[in-house]
Amino acid sequence: MVKNMKTYTAKPADIQKKWILIDAEGVVLGRLASLVAMRLRGKHKASFTPHMDMGDNVIIINADKVQMTGKKRTDKIYYWHTGYPGGIKQRSAGDILEGNHPERVLTKAIQRMLPGGPLSRQQMTNLRVYAGAEHGHEAQNPEIVDVKSMNPKNSRSA
């Protein structure tokens, strides 16, 4: 039996953050969101430490072309409350994707896959979602991650 084994805990100096670029065109929303949530937390790394922000910086482009299976585009409803009596509002996922801020569907899906708390809010700042194909992060030389080719179920044609 081995004694004096210690659990590894990453120090702030040990953390290596990469930049990754993901094209969301034709990718299923939930599958993409779970992969990005894992990357933001840093769970893909062997040195994962639960209380540290050690995830990668993630850039997502073409968020307006993300796909949903079944009838989710029309039947999935997002609710919010204005704070006034009777102030419950709703909008379908399709309406949001066709509106002015289609990236919010993907951002919300990723946010809701992270545990709530100050660390998750910090990790969400490492996420950049763009509705179109342009992003202003060429200087970071992001590594391209092809989510479509990882699993045939990850992509879906409209």
Protein backbone atom coordinates (compact mmCIF):
# COMPACT_ATOMS: atom_id res chain seq x y z
CA MET A 1 0.00 0.00 0.00
CA VAL A 2 1.34 3.40 -0.99
CA LYS A 3 1.36 6.07 1.69
CA ASN A 4 1.71 9.82 1.36
CA MET A 5 -0.18 10.00 -1.93
CA LYS A 6 -1.48 13.50 -2.40
CA THR A 7 -4.28 14.73 -4.60
CA TYR A 8 -2.96 16.99 -7.34
CA THR A 9 -4.21 20.57 -7.16
CA ALA A 10 -3.34 23.01 -9.93
CA LYS A 11 -1.74 26.32 -8.94
CA PRO A 12 -2.59 29.49 -10.87
CA ALA A 13 0.90 29.38 -12.44
CA ASP A 14 0.27 25.83 -13.77
CA ILE A 15 -2.81 26.78 -15.77
CA GLN A 16 -2.36 26.77 -19.56
CA LYS A 17 -5.30 28.32 -21.41
CA LYS A 18 -5.70 27.65 -25.13
CA TRP A 19 -7.96 29.40 -27.62
CA ILE A 20 -10.29 27.15 -29.61
CA LEU A 21 -12.60 28.02 -32.51
CA ILE A 22 -15.81 26.09 -33.16
CA ASP A 23 -18.06 26.47 -36.21
CA ALA A 24 -21.66 25.86 -35.06
CA GLU A 25 -23.12 25.61 -38.57
CA GLY A 26 -25.27 22.46 -38.81
CA VAL A 27 -24.28 21.23 -35.32
CA VAL A 28 -26.96 20.06 -32.86
CA LEU A 29 -27.42 22.64 -30.08
CA GLY A 30 -27.27 20.42 -26.98
CA ARG A 31 -24.32 18.36 -28.16
CA LEU A 32 -22.34 21.51 -28.93
CA ALA A 33 -23.32 23.14 -25.62
CA SER A 34 -22.22 20.14 -23.53
CA LEU A 35 -18.85 19.99 -25.30
CA VAL A 36 -18.27 23.73 -24.85
CA ALA A 37 -19.33 23.61 -21.17
CA MET A 38 -16.79 20.84 -20.58
CA ARG A 39 -14.06 22.90 -22.33
CA LEU A 40 -14.93 26.06 -20.36
CA ARG A 41 -14.64 24.20 -17.03
CA GLY A 42 -11.40 22.46 -18.05
CA LYS A 43 -12.72 18.92 -17.47
CA HIS A 44 -10.96 17.72 -20.63
CA LYS A 45 -7.60 18.26 -18.94
CA ALA A 46 -5.86 15.66 -16.75
CA SER A 47 -4.96 18.44 -14.31
CA PHE A 48 -8.63 19.47 -13.75
CA THR A 49 -9.13 21.19 -10.41
CA PRO A 50 -12.79 21.89 -9.53
CA HIS A 51 -12.26 25.23 -7.76
CA MET A 52 -10.01 26.82 -10.41
CA ASP A 53 -10.85 28.53 -13.69
CA MET A 54 -8.62 26.40 -15.92
CA GLY A 55 -10.79 25.97 -19.00
CA ASP A 56 -9.99 27.15 -22.51
CA ASN A 57 -11.14 30.32 -24.22
CA VAL A 58 -13.85 29.29 -26.69
CA ILE A 59 -14.90 31.22 -29.81
CA ILE A 60 -18.08 30.05 -31.54
CA ILE A 61 -19.01 31.34 -35.00
CA ASN A 62 -22.20 30.87 -37.05
CA ALA A 63 -24.33 30.52 -33.90
CA ASP A 64 -27.40 31.52 -35.92
CA LYS A 65 -27.04 28.31 -38.02
CA VAL A 66 -27.15 25.91 -35.04
CA GLN A 67 -29.61 23.02 -35.46
CA MET A 68 -32.24 21.55 -33.17
CA THR A 69 -33.71 18.06 -33.42
CA GLY A 70 -37.42 17.30 -33.49
CA LYS A 71 -39.82 20.22 -33.06
CA LYS A 72 -37.65 22.14 -30.58
CA ARG A 73 -37.34 25.15 -32.88
CA THR A 74 -41.08 25.81 -32.49
CA ASP A 75 -41.91 24.04 -29.19
CA LYS A 76 -38.95 25.02 -26.98
CA ILE A 77 -40.04 28.11 -25.07
CA TYR A 78 -37.81 30.56 -23.19
CA TYR A 79 -39.59 32.36 -20.33
CA TRP A 80 -38.65 35.49 -18.40
CA HIS A 81 -40.44 37.78 -15.98
CA THR A 82 -40.49 41.56 -16.16
CA GLY A 83 -40.91 41.94 -12.39
CA TYR A 84 -44.42 43.36 -12.71
CA PRO A 85 -47.62 41.47 -11.80
CA GLY A 86 -48.63 39.27 -14.72
CA GLY A 87 -45.32 40.08 -16.39
CA ILE A 88 -44.37 36.60 -17.60
CA LYS A 89 -43.09 36.72 -21.17
CA GLN A 90 -42.15 33.94 -23.55
CA ARG A 91 -40.46 33.42 -26.88
CA SER A 92 -39.78 30.27 -28.88
CA ALA A 93 -36.24 29.19 -29.79
CA GLY A 94 -37.03 29.75 -33.48
CA ASP A 95 -38.11 33.34 -32.83
CA ILE A 96 -34.88 34.08 -30.98
CA LEU A 97 -32.72 32.44 -33.68
CA GLU A 98 -34.44 34.55 -36.34
CA GLY A 99 -34.30 37.73 -34.23
CA ASN A 100 -31.58 40.30 -33.57
CA HIS A 101 -29.54 38.19 -31.11
CA PRO A 102 -29.53 34.54 -32.29
CA GLU A 103 -26.36 33.79 -30.30
CA ARG A 104 -28.35 33.98 -27.03
CA VAL A 105 -29.88 30.51 -27.56
CA LEU A 106 -26.42 28.92 -27.58
CA THR A 107 -25.12 31.11 -24.74
CA LYS A 108 -28.09 30.16 -22.52
CA ALA A 109 -27.70 26.45 -23.31
CA ILE A 110 -24.02 26.55 -22.31
CA GLN A 111 -24.67 28.65 -19.20
CA ARG A 112 -27.32 26.22 -17.98
CA MET A 113 -24.91 23.28 -18.35
CA LEU A 114 -22.44 24.88 -15.94
CA PRO A 115 -22.95 24.69 -12.17
CA GLY A 116 -24.33 27.95 -10.74
CA GLY A 117 -22.02 30.18 -8.76
CA PRO A 118 -19.25 32.77 -8.98
CA LEU A 119 -16.77 30.38 -10.65
CA SER A 120 -19.22 29.54 -13.45
CA ARG A 121 -19.86 33.21 -14.08
CA GLN A 122 -16.08 33.71 -14.32
CA GLN A 123 -15.80 30.78 -16.75
CA MET A 124 -18.59 32.21 -18.93
CA THR A 125 -16.39 35.27 -19.58
CA ASN A 126 -14.06 32.93 -21.53
CA LEU A 127 -16.84 32.28 -24.07
CA ARG A 128 -17.34 34.42 -27.17
CA VAL A 129 -20.32 33.65 -29.40
CA TYR A 130 -20.84 35.29 -32.81
CA ALA A 131 -23.94 34.96 -34.99
CA GLY A 132 -21.95 35.33 -38.22
CA ALA A 133 -18.70 33.89 -39.57
CA GLU A 134 -16.50 36.84 -38.55
CA HIS A 135 -14.70 37.10 -35.22
CA GLY A 136 -12.03 39.51 -34.03
CA HIS A 137 -9.71 36.95 -32.44
CA GLU A 138 -7.34 36.00 -35.30
CA ALA A 139 -4.41 37.33 -33.25
CA GLN A 140 -4.92 34.59 -30.65
CA ASN A 141 -4.38 31.88 -33.32
CA PRO A 142 -7.30 29.73 -32.15
CA GLU A 143 -7.10 25.99 -32.70
CA ILE A 144 -10.05 24.80 -34.83
CA VAL A 145 -12.15 22.04 -33.24
CA ASP A 146 -14.40 20.21 -35.72
CA VAL A 147 -17.42 19.13 -33.66
CA LYS A 148 -19.23 17.72 -36.73
CA SER A 149 -16.62 15.04 -37.37
CA MET A 150 -16.44 13.84 -33.74
CA ASN A 151 -19.72 11.91 -33.95
CA PRO A 152 -22.24 11.51 -36.81
CA LYS A 153 -25.03 12.51 -34.40
CA ASN A 154 -23.40 15.91 -33.78
CA SER A 155 -24.51 17.30 -37.14
CA ARG A 156 -27.85 17.59 -38.77
CA SER A 157 -28.85 19.14 -42.08
CA ALA A 158 -31.70 21.64 -41.98
